[in-house]
């Protein structure tokens, strides 16, 4: 998945303010370790077996 955002959107990727495009994959661990965050919340990318995209 490609995430596109501006710094004004308030997202962080790997703990850093984010603006631009970044390719992200499914998060393999706990939601608290997800790469993308919005404030205190985490945005988790999931893969569901047997489901189309």
N, C-alpha and C. Protein backbone atom coordinates (compact mmCIF):
# COMPACT_ATOMS: atom_id res chain seq x y z
N UNK A 1 0.85 -1.15 0.00
CA UNK A 1 0.00 0.00 0.00
C UNK A 1 0.90 1.23 0.00
N UNK A 2 0.48 2.27 -0.70
CA UNK A 2 1.21 3.53 -0.69
C UNK A 2 0.39 4.55 0.08
N UNK A 3 1.01 5.14 1.09
CA UNK A 3 0.37 6.17 1.90
C UNK A 3 0.83 7.53 1.39
N UNK A 4 -0.11 8.42 1.12
CA UNK A 4 0.19 9.78 0.69
C UNK A 4 -0.44 10.73 1.70
N UNK A 5 0.35 11.67 2.21
CA UNK A 5 -0.15 12.63 3.20
C UNK A 5 0.71 13.89 3.16
N UNK A 6 0.20 14.94 3.77
CA UNK A 6 0.99 16.14 3.98
C UNK A 6 1.30 16.25 5.47
N UNK A 7 2.27 17.04 5.84
CA UNK A 7 2.59 17.20 7.26
C UNK A 7 1.40 17.75 8.03
N UNK A 8 0.56 18.55 7.35
CA UNK A 8 -0.63 19.11 8.01
C UNK A 8 -1.64 18.03 8.40
N UNK A 9 -1.55 16.83 7.80
CA UNK A 9 -2.45 15.73 8.16
C UNK A 9 -2.16 15.18 9.54
N UNK A 10 -0.96 15.44 10.08
CA UNK A 10 -0.64 15.03 11.44
C UNK A 10 -0.20 13.60 11.62
N UNK A 11 0.15 12.92 10.54
CA UNK A 11 0.61 11.53 10.66
C UNK A 11 2.09 11.47 10.97
N UNK A 12 2.49 10.38 11.61
CA UNK A 12 3.90 10.08 11.78
C UNK A 12 4.16 8.68 11.21
N UNK A 13 5.35 8.50 10.66
CA UNK A 13 5.79 7.20 10.17
C UNK A 13 7.13 6.92 10.84
N UNK A 14 7.22 5.80 11.50
CA UNK A 14 8.43 5.43 12.24
C UNK A 14 8.83 6.52 13.24
N UNK A 15 7.81 7.17 13.85
CA UNK A 15 8.05 8.16 14.88
C UNK A 15 8.41 9.55 14.39
N UNK A 16 8.42 9.77 13.07
CA UNK A 16 8.79 11.06 12.50
C UNK A 16 7.59 11.69 11.79
N UNK A 17 7.46 13.03 11.87
CA UNK A 17 6.41 13.71 11.11
C UNK A 17 6.52 13.31 9.65
N UNK A 18 5.36 13.17 8.99
CA UNK A 18 5.38 12.64 7.65
C UNK A 18 4.64 13.53 6.68
N UNK A 19 5.27 13.73 5.53
CA UNK A 19 4.65 14.40 4.40
C UNK A 19 5.25 13.81 3.14
N UNK A 20 4.43 13.33 2.21
CA UNK A 20 4.92 12.73 0.98
C UNK A 20 4.27 11.39 0.74
N UNK A 21 5.03 10.49 0.14
CA UNK A 21 4.54 9.13 -0.12
C UNK A 21 5.50 8.12 0.49
N UNK A 22 4.93 7.06 1.04
CA UNK A 22 5.74 5.98 1.59
C UNK A 22 5.00 4.66 1.33
N UNK A 23 5.74 3.66 0.96
CA UNK A 23 5.16 2.33 0.76
C UNK A 23 5.18 1.62 2.11
N UNK A 24 4.02 1.10 2.52
CA UNK A 24 3.92 0.38 3.78
C UNK A 24 3.34 -0.99 3.51
N UNK A 25 3.75 -1.95 4.30
CA UNK A 25 3.28 -3.33 4.19
C UNK A 25 2.46 -3.66 5.42
N UNK A 26 1.91 -4.86 5.44
CA UNK A 26 1.14 -5.31 6.60
C UNK A 26 2.01 -5.28 7.85
N UNK A 27 1.40 -4.89 8.95
CA UNK A 27 2.10 -4.85 10.23
C UNK A 27 2.05 -6.25 10.85
N UNK A 28 3.22 -6.87 11.07
CA UNK A 28 3.23 -8.25 11.54
C UNK A 28 3.01 -8.42 13.04
N UNK A 29 3.16 -7.36 13.79
CA UNK A 29 3.09 -7.50 15.25
C UNK A 29 1.86 -6.83 15.85
N UNK A 30 2.01 -6.39 17.07
CA UNK A 30 0.93 -5.73 17.79
C UNK A 30 0.63 -4.36 17.20
N UNK A 31 -0.61 -3.91 17.34
CA UNK A 31 -1.01 -2.59 16.84
C UNK A 31 -0.14 -1.50 17.44
N UNK A 32 0.28 -1.66 18.69
CA UNK A 32 1.10 -0.63 19.34
C UNK A 32 2.45 -0.45 18.68
N UNK A 33 2.86 -1.41 17.83
CA UNK A 33 4.14 -1.31 17.13
C UNK A 33 3.98 -0.91 15.66
N UNK A 34 2.75 -0.54 15.25
CA UNK A 34 2.51 -0.16 13.86
C UNK A 34 3.36 1.05 13.49
N UNK A 35 3.81 1.11 12.24
CA UNK A 35 4.68 2.18 11.76
C UNK A 35 3.98 3.52 11.65
N UNK A 36 2.68 3.54 11.37
CA UNK A 36 1.95 4.78 11.10
C UNK A 36 1.07 5.14 12.29
N UNK A 37 1.14 6.40 12.71
CA UNK A 37 0.35 6.85 13.85
C UNK A 37 -0.32 8.19 13.53
N UNK A 38 -1.44 8.41 14.20
CA UNK A 38 -2.14 9.69 14.16
C UNK A 38 -2.40 10.06 15.61
N UNK A 39 -1.59 10.94 16.14
CA UNK A 39 -1.67 11.25 17.56
C UNK A 39 -1.31 10.02 18.37
N UNK A 40 -2.18 9.64 19.29
CA UNK A 40 -1.97 8.45 20.11
C UNK A 40 -2.44 7.17 19.42
N UNK A 41 -3.19 7.32 18.34
CA UNK A 41 -3.74 6.15 17.64
C UNK A 41 -2.77 5.60 16.61
N UNK A 42 -2.87 4.33 16.37
CA UNK A 42 -2.04 3.65 15.37
C UNK A 42 -2.92 3.23 14.21
N UNK A 43 -2.40 3.37 12.99
CA UNK A 43 -3.08 2.91 11.78
C UNK A 43 -2.42 1.62 11.36
N UNK A 44 -3.18 0.54 11.40
CA UNK A 44 -2.64 -0.79 11.18
C UNK A 44 -3.05 -1.29 9.80
N UNK A 45 -2.10 -1.83 9.06
CA UNK A 45 -2.37 -2.45 7.77
C UNK A 45 -2.49 -3.95 8.00
N UNK A 46 -3.64 -4.51 7.61
CA UNK A 46 -3.91 -5.93 7.81
C UNK A 46 -3.97 -6.66 6.47
N UNK A 47 -3.61 -7.91 6.49
CA UNK A 47 -3.80 -8.80 5.36
C UNK A 47 -4.74 -9.90 5.82
N UNK A 48 -5.80 -10.10 5.08
CA UNK A 48 -6.75 -11.15 5.45
C UNK A 48 -6.67 -12.24 4.41
N UNK A 49 -6.38 -13.43 4.86
CA UNK A 49 -6.27 -14.57 3.95
C UNK A 49 -7.61 -14.86 3.29
N UNK A 50 -7.56 -15.19 2.00
CA UNK A 50 -8.75 -15.55 1.29
C UNK A 50 -9.60 -14.37 0.85
N UNK A 51 -9.11 -13.16 1.04
CA UNK A 51 -9.86 -11.96 0.66
C UNK A 51 -9.15 -11.27 -0.49
N UNK A 52 -9.91 -10.79 -1.44
CA UNK A 52 -9.33 -10.02 -2.54
C UNK A 52 -9.01 -8.61 -2.10
N UNK A 53 -8.22 -7.90 -2.86
CA UNK A 53 -7.88 -6.52 -2.52
C UNK A 53 -8.80 -5.56 -3.22
